[in-house]
Protein backbone atom coordinates (compact mmCIF):
# COMPACT_ATOMS: atom_id res chain seq x y z
CA UNK A 1 -48.77 -44.14 -58.99
CA UNK A 2 -52.15 -45.88 -58.43
CA UNK A 3 -50.30 -48.98 -57.44
CA UNK A 4 -48.14 -46.77 -54.96
CA UNK A 5 -51.33 -45.04 -53.51
CA UNK A 6 -53.20 -48.47 -53.13
CA UNK A 7 -50.30 -50.13 -51.58
CA UNK A 8 -49.77 -52.59 -54.32
CA UNK A 9 -47.11 -55.31 -53.26
CA UNK A 10 -45.80 -55.42 -56.85
CA UNK A 11 -44.96 -51.59 -56.77
CA UNK A 12 -43.96 -51.05 -53.35
CA UNK A 13 -41.74 -54.16 -53.38
CA UNK A 14 -39.64 -52.45 -56.18
CA UNK A 15 -39.48 -49.02 -54.37
CA UNK A 16 -36.21 -49.01 -52.75
CA UNK A 17 -36.52 -45.35 -51.37
CA UNK A 18 -38.98 -42.26 -51.86
CA UNK A 19 -39.61 -38.92 -50.61
CA UNK A 20 -38.41 -38.87 -47.12
CA UNK A 21 -41.46 -37.76 -45.20
CA UNK A 22 -43.85 -40.18 -47.16
CA UNK A 23 -41.53 -43.13 -47.60
CA UNK A 24 -39.20 -44.28 -44.79
CA UNK A 25 -35.61 -44.40 -46.30
CA UNK A 26 -34.08 -47.76 -45.93
CA UNK A 27 -31.48 -46.45 -43.43
CA UNK A 28 -34.24 -44.67 -41.24
CA UNK A 29 -36.15 -48.02 -41.34
CA UNK A 30 -32.98 -49.63 -40.05
CA UNK A 31 -32.69 -47.18 -37.20
CA UNK A 32 -36.18 -47.69 -36.39
CA UNK A 33 -35.67 -51.45 -36.40
CA UNK A 34 -32.58 -50.96 -34.04
CA UNK A 35 -34.46 -48.99 -31.70
CA UNK A 36 -37.24 -51.44 -31.67
CA UNK A 37 -35.05 -54.27 -30.71
CA UNK A 38 -33.48 -52.15 -28.10
CA UNK A 39 -36.19 -50.51 -26.20
CA UNK A 40 -39.61 -52.03 -27.33
CA UNK A 41 -41.71 -54.64 -25.71
CA UNK A 42 -43.80 -57.30 -27.38
CA UNK A 43 -46.71 -55.73 -29.45
CA UNK A 44 -44.88 -52.29 -29.41
CA UNK A 45 -43.44 -50.17 -32.25
CA UNK A 46 -40.96 -47.33 -32.30
CA UNK A 47 -40.55 -44.11 -34.31
CA UNK A 48 -37.50 -42.05 -33.54
CA UNK A 49 -37.28 -38.26 -33.63
CA UNK A 50 -34.43 -35.94 -33.68
CA UNK A 51 -34.86 -34.21 -30.30
CA UNK A 52 -37.05 -34.21 -27.04
CA UNK A 53 -39.33 -31.51 -27.97
CA UNK A 54 -40.24 -32.97 -31.48
CA UNK A 55 -40.86 -36.50 -29.81
CA UNK A 56 -42.99 -34.98 -27.26
CA UNK A 57 -45.28 -33.33 -29.72
CA UNK A 58 -45.30 -36.57 -31.60
CA UNK A 59 -46.36 -38.18 -28.36
CA UNK A 60 -49.23 -36.02 -27.79
CA UNK A 61 -50.46 -36.10 -31.35
CA UNK A 62 -50.53 -40.01 -31.13
CA UNK A 63 -52.21 -40.06 -27.75
CA UNK A 64 -54.86 -37.50 -28.80
CA UNK A 65 -55.73 -39.16 -31.93
CA UNK A 66 -55.38 -42.97 -30.65
CA UNK A 67 -56.26 -42.78 -26.97
CA UNK A 68 -53.36 -45.11 -26.04
CA UNK A 69 -50.53 -44.75 -23.67
CA UNK A 70 -46.89 -44.15 -25.10
CA UNK A 71 -43.70 -43.55 -23.70
CA UNK A 72 -40.48 -41.82 -24.60
CA UNK A 73 -36.86 -43.00 -24.07
CA UNK A 74 -33.34 -41.64 -25.15
CA UNK A 75 -31.93 -43.56 -28.08
CA UNK A 76 -28.30 -43.23 -29.21
CA UNK A 77 -28.28 -39.34 -29.05
CA UNK A 78 -31.96 -39.19 -30.54
CA UNK A 79 -35.38 -39.75 -28.89
CA UNK A 80 -37.57 -42.91 -29.29
CA UNK A 81 -41.40 -42.76 -29.02
CA UNK A 82 -42.66 -46.20 -28.05
CA UNK A 83 -46.21 -46.84 -29.22
CA UNK A 84 -48.63 -49.91 -29.25
CA UNK A 85 -48.21 -51.56 -32.79
CA UNK A 86 -51.74 -50.29 -33.84
CA UNK A 87 -50.49 -46.64 -33.24
CA UNK A 88 -47.43 -46.90 -35.46
CA UNK A 89 -48.84 -45.55 -38.77
CA UNK A 90 -50.16 -42.50 -36.56
CA UNK A 91 -46.75 -41.69 -35.37
CA UNK A 92 -45.61 -41.95 -38.99
CA UNK A 93 -48.44 -39.45 -40.15
CA UNK A 94 -46.81 -37.02 -37.42
CA UNK A 95 -43.65 -37.55 -39.28
CA UNK A 96 -45.12 -37.10 -42.68
CA UNK A 97 -47.28 -34.09 -42.00
CA UNK A 98 -44.82 -32.05 -39.84
CA UNK A 99 -41.46 -32.84 -41.41
CA UNK A 100 -39.95 -33.11 -38.14
CA UNK A 101 -37.85 -36.08 -39.07
CA UNK A 102 -34.55 -37.78 -38.61
CA UNK A 103 -32.54 -37.61 -42.00
CA UNK A 104 -30.86 -40.45 -43.82
CA UNK A 105 -27.49 -39.15 -43.04
CA UNK A 106 -28.27 -38.76 -39.16
CA UNK A 107 -29.52 -42.20 -39.30
CA UNK A 108 -26.71 -43.54 -40.93
CA UNK A 109 -24.33 -42.00 -38.45
CA UNK A 110 -26.22 -43.21 -35.49
CA UNK A 111 -26.05 -46.82 -37.13
CA UNK A 112 -22.37 -46.70 -37.15
CA UNK A 113 -22.07 -44.92 -33.85
CA UNK A 114 -20.95 -41.65 -35.29
CA UNK A 115 -23.52 -39.17 -34.50
CA UNK A 116 -22.35 -35.65 -35.16
CA UNK A 117 -23.58 -33.51 -32.14
CA UNK A 118 -21.80 -30.25 -33.57
CA UNK A 119 -24.47 -27.56 -34.23
CA UNK A 120 -24.85 -26.15 -37.65
CA UNK A 121 -25.33 -22.59 -36.40
CA UNK A 122 -22.03 -21.61 -37.72
CA UNK A 123 -23.04 -22.36 -41.35
CA UNK A 124 -26.29 -19.81 -41.12
CA UNK A 125 -24.16 -17.10 -42.37
CA UNK A 126 -22.43 -18.86 -45.26
CA UNK A 127 -25.71 -20.54 -46.38
CA UNK A 128 -27.69 -17.22 -46.28
CA UNK A 129 -24.88 -15.41 -48.22
CA UNK A 130 -25.12 -18.31 -50.79
CA UNK A 131 -28.89 -17.91 -50.78
CA UNK A 132 -28.62 -14.14 -51.25
CA UNK A 133 -30.71 -13.20 -48.06
CA UNK A 134 -29.63 -11.65 -44.81
CA UNK A 135 -28.49 -14.05 -42.11
CA UNK A 136 -30.27 -11.89 -39.63
CA UNK A 137 -33.74 -13.48 -38.91
CA UNK A 138 -33.32 -16.80 -40.64
CA UNK A 139 -33.79 -20.03 -39.04
CA UNK A 140 -33.05 -23.57 -40.39
CA UNK A 141 -35.06 -26.85 -40.09
CA UNK A 142 -35.15 -30.23 -40.95
CA UNK A 143 -37.54 -29.76 -43.74
CA UNK A 144 -39.70 -26.98 -45.63
CA UNK A 145 -42.71 -28.49 -43.57
CA UNK A 146 -41.00 -28.37 -40.31
CA UNK A 147 -40.30 -24.66 -40.98
CA UNK A 148 -44.15 -24.14 -41.87
CA UNK A 149 -45.14 -26.13 -38.69
CA UNK A 150 -42.92 -23.78 -36.51
CA UNK A 151 -44.64 -20.86 -37.83
CA UNK A 152 -47.88 -22.28 -37.16
CA UNK A 153 -46.98 -22.99 -33.56
CA UNK A 154 -45.64 -19.40 -33.11
CA UNK A 155 -48.61 -17.58 -34.30
CA UNK A 156 -51.27 -20.09 -32.67
CA UNK A 157 -49.37 -19.48 -29.36
CA UNK A 158 -49.66 -15.83 -29.89
CA UNK A 159 -53.62 -16.28 -30.12
CA UNK A 160 -54.71 -19.25 -28.64
CA UNK A 161 -58.23 -20.43 -29.50
CA UNK A 162 -58.11 -18.56 -32.79
CA UNK A 163 -58.18 -20.43 -36.14
CA UNK A 164 -55.51 -19.73 -38.90
CA UNK A 165 -56.70 -18.60 -42.65
CA UNK A 166 -55.34 -20.43 -45.50
CA UNK A 167 -55.80 -18.46 -48.66
CA UNK A 168 -55.53 -20.43 -52.05
CA UNK A 169 -55.31 -24.22 -52.40
CA UNK A 170 -51.90 -25.10 -50.88
CA UNK A 171 -49.33 -27.93 -50.75
CA UNK A 172 -51.21 -30.67 -49.05
CA UNK A 173 -49.45 -30.99 -45.70
CA UNK A 174 -49.51 -27.05 -45.46
CA UNK A 175 -53.22 -27.29 -44.86
CA UNK A 176 -53.00 -30.64 -42.92
CA UNK A 177 -50.80 -29.18 -40.36
CA UNK A 178 -53.40 -26.21 -39.74
CA UNK A 179 -56.45 -28.76 -39.64
CA UNK A 180 -54.79 -31.11 -37.13
CA UNK A 181 -53.17 -28.69 -35.02
CA UNK A 182 -53.88 -25.52 -32.97
CA UNK A 183 -57.71 -24.66 -33.19
CA UNK A 184 -58.14 -25.30 -36.80
CA UNK A 185 -58.23 -23.39 -40.08
CA UNK A 186 -60.62 -21.33 -42.20
CA UNK A 187 -59.86 -22.46 -45.91
CA UNK A 188 -60.48 -20.23 -48.89
CA UNK A 189 -59.47 -22.18 -51.91
CA UNK A 190 -60.21 -19.39 -54.24
CA UNK A 191 -58.41 -16.32 -53.08
CA UNK A 192 -59.87 -13.51 -55.31
CA UNK A 193 -63.01 -11.72 -56.00
CA UNK A 194 -66.02 -11.51 -53.18
CA UNK A 195 -64.21 -14.42 -51.28
CA UNK A 196 -61.19 -12.35 -50.85
CA UNK A 197 -63.01 -9.21 -49.87
CA UNK A 198 -64.90 -11.18 -47.23
CA UNK A 199 -61.61 -12.45 -46.00
CA UNK A 200 -60.15 -9.33 -45.87
CA UNK A 201 -62.82 -8.05 -43.58
CA UNK A 202 -62.51 -11.03 -41.32
CA UNK A 203 -58.66 -10.44 -41.15
CA UNK A 204 -59.15 -6.46 -40.39
CA UNK A 205 -61.47 -7.86 -37.56
CA UNK A 206 -58.71 -9.96 -35.71
CA UNK A 207 -60.52 -13.26 -36.21
CA UNK A 208 -57.39 -15.18 -37.13
CA UNK A 209 -54.17 -16.13 -35.31
CA UNK A 210 -52.38 -16.10 -38.71
CA UNK A 211 -52.81 -15.88 -42.50
CA UNK A 212 -51.04 -18.60 -44.59
CA UNK A 213 -50.35 -18.47 -48.41
CA UNK A 214 -48.01 -19.62 -51.14
CA UNK A 215 -47.00 -17.46 -53.88
CA UNK A 216 -47.12 -19.00 -56.48
CA UNK A 217 -49.45 -21.64 -55.03
CA UNK A 218 -48.72 -25.56 -55.43
CA UNK A 219 -49.90 -26.74 -57.75
CA UNK A 220 -52.21 -24.18 -59.47
CA UNK A 221 -49.62 -21.42 -59.54
CA UNK A 222 -52.01 -18.65 -58.07
CA UNK A 223 -50.64 -15.62 -56.56
CA UNK A 224 -52.77 -13.70 -54.07
CA UNK A 225 -52.76 -9.78 -53.65
CA UNK A 226 -50.10 -9.68 -51.19
CA UNK A 227 -50.44 -5.98 -50.66
CA UNK A 228 -54.09 -6.07 -49.87
CA UNK A 229 -53.36 -9.06 -47.58
CA UNK A 230 -50.64 -7.27 -45.77
CA UNK A 231 -52.64 -4.04 -45.48
CA UNK A 232 -55.51 -5.92 -43.71
CA UNK A 233 -53.39 -8.13 -41.56
CA UNK A 234 -51.47 -4.82 -40.32
CA UNK A 235 -54.54 -3.31 -39.13
CA UNK A 236 -55.46 -6.13 -36.86
CA UNK A 237 -51.87 -7.30 -35.92
CA UNK A 238 -52.29 -10.51 -37.57
CA UNK A 239 -49.05 -12.27 -38.74
CA UNK A 240 -48.85 -13.01 -42.55
CA UNK A 241 -46.81 -16.14 -43.52
CA UNK A 242 -45.90 -16.44 -46.98
CA UNK A 243 -44.17 -19.51 -48.57
CA UNK A 244 -41.94 -18.58 -51.51
CA UNK A 245 -40.83 -22.17 -52.40
CA UNK A 246 -42.39 -22.59 -55.80
CA UNK A 247 -40.48 -20.09 -57.80
CA UNK A 248 -38.06 -19.22 -55.07
CA UNK A 249 -36.92 -16.06 -53.29
CA UNK A 250 -34.63 -15.44 -56.34
CA UNK A 251 -37.66 -14.62 -58.27
CA UNK A 252 -40.10 -13.04 -55.79
CA UNK A 253 -39.76 -10.72 -52.96
CA UNK A 254 -42.41 -11.23 -50.28
CA UNK A 255 -41.06 -8.67 -47.85
CA UNK A 256 -42.39 -6.12 -47.04
CA UNK A 257 -45.70 -7.59 -47.13
CA UNK A 258 -44.95 -10.83 -45.14
CA UNK A 259 -44.28 -10.88 -41.76
CA UNK A 260 -42.50 -14.26 -42.01
CA UNK A 261 -41.45 -16.32 -44.85
CA UNK A 262 -40.99 -20.03 -45.18
CA UNK A 263 -39.02 -21.98 -47.95
CA UNK A 264 -38.36 -25.52 -48.45
CA UNK A 265 -34.54 -25.63 -49.08
CA UNK A 266 -34.93 -29.13 -50.40
CA UNK A 267 -36.12 -27.52 -53.68
CA UNK A 268 -34.50 -24.93 -55.67
CA UNK A 269 -31.63 -24.03 -53.06
CA UNK A 270 -30.18 -27.44 -52.82
CA UNK A 271 -31.34 -28.45 -56.35
CA UNK A 272 -30.09 -31.96 -56.16
CA UNK A 273 -32.65 -33.97 -54.46
CA UNK A 274 -30.29 -35.36 -51.86
CA UNK A 275 -30.96 -33.21 -48.63
CA UNK A 276 -33.97 -32.09 -46.89
CA UNK A 277 -34.08 -28.65 -45.30
CA UNK A 278 -36.37 -25.83 -44.55
CA UNK A 279 -36.07 -22.16 -43.57
CA UNK A 280 -37.96 -19.29 -42.03
CA UNK A 281 -37.07 -15.59 -42.28
CA UNK A 282 -38.47 -12.86 -40.12
CA UNK A 283 -39.08 -9.54 -42.17
CA UNK A 284 -36.80 -7.05 -40.21
CA UNK A 285 -39.20 -4.25 -41.08
CA UNK A 286 -42.37 -5.87 -39.76
CA UNK A 287 -43.94 -4.60 -36.58
CA UNK A 288 -44.13 -7.83 -35.46
CA UNK A 289 -40.33 -8.67 -35.96
CA UNK A 290 -39.08 -8.56 -32.70
CA UNK A 291 -42.07 -10.77 -31.25
CA UNK A 292 -41.93 -13.28 -33.87
CA UNK A 293 -38.00 -13.53 -33.70
CA UNK A 294 -38.23 -13.90 -29.92
CA UNK A 295 -40.88 -16.66 -30.26
CA UNK A 296 -38.69 -18.59 -32.77
CA UNK A 297 -35.81 -18.37 -30.72
CA UNK A 298 -37.45 -19.81 -27.60
CA UNK A 299 -38.08 -22.92 -29.87
CA UNK A 300 -34.78 -22.86 -31.80
CA UNK A 301 -31.95 -21.00 -29.63
CA UNK A 302 -29.32 -21.59 -32.06
CA UNK A 303 -31.54 -20.92 -34.90
CA UNK A 304 -30.85 -24.22 -36.58
CA UNK A 305 -32.25 -27.57 -36.09
CA UNK A 306 -30.73 -28.94 -39.17
CA UNK A 307 -28.41 -31.61 -38.72
CA UNK A 308 -24.87 -30.81 -39.32
CA UNK A 309 -23.87 -32.99 -42.11
CA UNK A 310 -27.16 -32.16 -43.84
CA UNK A 311 -26.32 -28.53 -43.38
CA UNK A 312 -22.82 -29.21 -45.15
CA UNK A 313 -24.29 -30.85 -47.98
CA UNK A 314 -26.96 -28.10 -48.34
CA UNK A 315 -24.29 -25.27 -48.37
CA UNK A 316 -22.39 -27.11 -51.12
CA UNK A 317 -25.27 -27.60 -53.51
CA UNK A 318 -26.47 -23.89 -52.77
CA UNK A 319 -23.47 -22.64 -54.88
CA UNK A 320 -25.54 -23.67 -57.89
CA UNK A 321 -28.67 -21.97 -56.75
CA UNK A 322 -28.72 -19.03 -58.89
CA UNK A 323 -27.43 -20.81 -62.14
CA UNK A 324 -30.44 -23.44 -61.60
CA UNK A 325 -33.29 -20.82 -61.12
CA UNK A 326 -31.92 -18.61 -63.99
CA UNK A 327 -31.97 -21.79 -66.15
CA UNK A 328 -35.60 -22.92 -64.94
CA UNK A 329 -36.84 -19.51 -65.67
CA UNK A 330 -35.62 -19.70 -69.37
CA UNK A 331 -36.69 -23.19 -69.67
CA UNK A 332 -39.93 -22.69 -67.91
CA UNK A 333 -41.25 -19.95 -70.17
CA UNK A 334 -40.36 -22.02 -73.32
CA UNK A 335 -41.90 -25.18 -72.08
CA UNK A 336 -44.99 -23.22 -70.67
CA UNK A 337 -45.45 -21.68 -73.95
CA UNK A 338 -45.16 -24.98 -76.03
CA UNK A 339 -47.83 -26.44 -73.70
CA UNK A 340 -50.10 -23.45 -74.03
CA UNK A 341 -50.00 -23.72 -77.75
CA UNK A 342 -50.39 -27.42 -77.92
CA UNK A 343 -53.90 -28.59 -79.39
CA UNK A 344 -54.12 -31.44 -76.83
CA UNK A 345 -53.80 -29.21 -73.75
CA UNK A 346 -56.87 -27.74 -72.36
CA UNK A 347 -55.09 -25.25 -69.69
CA UNK A 348 -51.60 -24.29 -68.48
CA UNK A 349 -51.32 -23.02 -65.02
CA UNK A 350 -48.05 -20.77 -64.74
CA UNK A 351 -47.24 -17.37 -63.33
CA UNK A 352 -46.99 -15.82 -66.83
CA UNK A 353 -50.67 -16.98 -67.32
CA UNK A 354 -52.14 -16.88 -63.98
CA UNK A 355 -52.69 -13.87 -61.67
CA UNK A 356 -49.65 -12.36 -63.58
CA UNK A 357 -50.23 -8.69 -62.27
CA UNK A 358 -50.12 -10.08 -58.74
CA UNK A 359 -46.93 -12.22 -59.43
CA UNK A 360 -45.16 -9.29 -61.16
CA UNK A 361 -45.90 -7.00 -58.38
CA UNK A 362 -43.47 -9.14 -56.25
CA UNK A 363 -41.27 -10.41 -59.01
CA UNK A 364 -37.63 -9.23 -58.38
CA UNK A 365 -36.25 -6.99 -61.36
CA UNK A 366 -34.50 -9.19 -64.00
CA UNK A 367 -36.38 -12.35 -62.50
CA UNK A 368 -38.70 -14.74 -63.94
CA UNK A 369 -41.64 -16.84 -63.59
CA UNK A 370 -39.99 -20.05 -62.34
CA UNK A 371 -39.94 -23.65 -63.60
CA UNK A 372 -43.10 -25.07 -62.31
CA UNK A 373 -46.30 -25.36 -64.26
CA UNK A 374 -49.63 -27.74 -64.38
CA UNK A 375 -51.73 -28.70 -67.02
CA UNK A 376 -54.93 -30.75 -67.80
CA UNK A 377 -55.58 -32.15 -71.28
CA UNK A 378 -58.73 -31.71 -73.44
CA UNK A 379 -59.35 -35.45 -73.06
CA UNK A 380 -58.75 -36.24 -69.39
CA UNK A 381 -58.81 -39.91 -70.01
CA UNK A 382 -55.59 -39.61 -71.93
CA UNK A 383 -53.73 -38.09 -69.16
CA UNK A 384 -52.31 -41.78 -67.85
CA UNK A 385 -51.08 -42.57 -71.21
CA UNK A 386 -49.30 -39.20 -71.61
CA UNK A 387 -47.84 -39.50 -68.30
CA UNK A 388 -46.67 -42.94 -68.79
CA UNK A 389 -45.16 -42.23 -72.26
CA UNK A 390 -43.42 -38.95 -71.01
CA UNK A 391 -39.55 -39.55 -70.96
CA UNK A 392 -38.91 -37.45 -67.97
CA UNK A 393 -37.98 -38.38 -64.38
CA UNK A 394 -41.03 -39.00 -62.52
CA UNK A 395 -41.20 -37.89 -58.84
CA UNK A 396 -42.91 -35.97 -55.97
CA UNK A 397 -40.69 -32.82 -55.63
CA UNK A 398 -39.75 -29.97 -57.70
CA UNK A 399 -36.77 -27.58 -58.08
CA UNK A 400 -34.12 -30.00 -59.04
CA UNK A 401 -31.51 -29.64 -61.72
CA UNK A 402 -33.17 -32.34 -63.51
CA UNK A 403 -36.68 -31.91 -64.68
CA UNK A 404 -39.56 -33.87 -62.97
CA UNK A 405 -43.07 -34.91 -63.98
CA UNK A 406 -45.84 -35.71 -61.30
CA UNK A 407 -49.27 -36.78 -61.55
CA UNK A 408 -49.85 -34.63 -58.72
CA UNK A 409 -53.32 -34.87 -57.55
CA UNK A 410 -53.25 -38.53 -57.37
CA UNK A 411 -50.00 -38.32 -55.18
CA UNK A 412 -51.14 -35.73 -52.85
CA UNK A 413 -54.92 -36.24 -52.68
CA UNK A 414 -55.65 -39.71 -53.87
CA UNK A 415 -58.16 -40.55 -50.91
CA UNK A 416 -59.92 -37.01 -51.29
CA UNK A 417 -59.95 -36.67 -55.14
CA UNK A 418 -63.51 -35.39 -55.30
CA UNK A 419 -62.58 -32.60 -52.52
CA UNK A 420 -59.51 -31.74 -54.41
CA UNK A 421 -61.65 -31.37 -57.67
CA UNK A 422 -64.30 -29.13 -55.78
CA UNK A 423 -61.50 -26.92 -55.04
CA UNK A 424 -60.35 -26.63 -58.71
CA UNK A 425 -57.60 -29.45 -58.86
CA UNK A 426 -58.68 -32.09 -61.12
CA UNK A 427 -57.57 -35.73 -60.68
CA UNK A 428 -56.03 -35.82 -64.18
CA UNK A 429 -53.74 -32.82 -63.50
CA UNK A 430 -50.06 -33.17 -64.43
CA UNK A 431 -47.38 -31.08 -62.77
CA UNK A 432 -43.92 -30.20 -64.36
CA UNK A 433 -40.82 -29.01 -62.76
CA UNK A 434 -38.15 -27.57 -65.34
CA UNK A 435 -34.66 -28.18 -64.72
CA UNK A 436 -31.43 -27.19 -66.60
CA UNK A 437 -31.75 -29.51 -69.48
CA UNK A 438 -32.15 -28.06 -73.12
CA UNK A 439 -35.57 -26.73 -73.44
CA UNK A 440 -35.99 -27.90 -76.86
CA UNK A 441 -35.48 -31.54 -75.86
CA UNK A 442 -37.95 -31.10 -73.21
CA UNK A 443 -40.57 -29.90 -75.59
CA UNK A 444 -39.65 -32.75 -78.04
CA UNK A 445 -40.36 -35.26 -75.35
CA UNK A 446 -43.59 -33.48 -74.21
CA UNK A 447 -44.58 -33.59 -77.76
CA UNK A 448 -43.98 -37.34 -78.24
CA UNK A 449 -46.11 -37.86 -74.91
CA UNK A 450 -48.72 -35.59 -75.94
CA UNK A 451 -49.16 -37.38 -79.16
CA UNK A 452 -50.73 -40.01 -77.09
CA UNK A 453 -53.51 -37.57 -76.33
């Protein structure tokens, strides 16, 4: 992880692929190279985006941050953003933070001259059925971050000039989008106590264009008091946007509190780690439902920006969604209890142990606490040895059928470790996503690794 973050050639030279927003898939890299060869001049680089609107947003981002001239051109059914070489990393930052990306399947089809131009709109209904949600009011995106970014554009467009409010420490790019777009963000890393009381008063006064939170949050698994938030937001007509990715909408019901929910379908709904997708769902009972639905439709008239072949894979994978979440609920409780009782572990963050009342207030009948948890050790210097020794798959995602371990803070906040720690997220934090394996075997492998502590 350290070698990856510091750009070690020894590490990066062995990586063939990675999480698609952070590490360009080889097929996507080949697409960028072909576009460069086709449309770039000397000293220029090219980033390819899925459509004109996305490419124009990326263009404005690069020109604002780098003060350079760029241009856009059609490229084999997609859109190429041509930038000076020194601005290419900034174009990649837009790709990373917003999730408005070209998928590897899309890139592969372009490279063989077989881009599918058929919409995935007709798959919204079958996918919603597989997810166990209403097809009305659901919008599909290229990634979970693209869904969050779309929600952010909608609420800031409603109330230009106002900041958004982020409650609880969120997934890294959910905060980056609010920091770098719109009018900025007021960030409350601890959404309880006096800080929450003050935030509720500011919400009631109409100070914010929108309020964002995750239930539970990633990586500290906190659940804010959604009922109190919703009451404050309804008084001022402020949209409440809740991301339910971490434990999934099979476990928690954020309606009727939220006006809009976002989900990374890349995680539990797919469960396979082989497709990127996201969704937004409008709460039909929200007083803002008609307005929010209309604004989302203006941006996405077909209600799907997901590439057709990705949607087909997602639909196939979603057939196992329920079984995966149920298994992760059972295994997650067993693993979390094992860690809670282990003498080398200082603290476990898991919804059963963190903000349990708030979580259970939105937990569906017969549901569980999910498969995601984080820990820190009593001896923080032993975290590298424990992580390296752990016989689990290592990776930056969650919600897959196979369990995953991540040295989360190093991955997400390597260049801002002191700031993250000031928000309660220690550099030595380890995050685990429990899949469908035998929990006893997972605990055994954890025990072997924790013996290093």
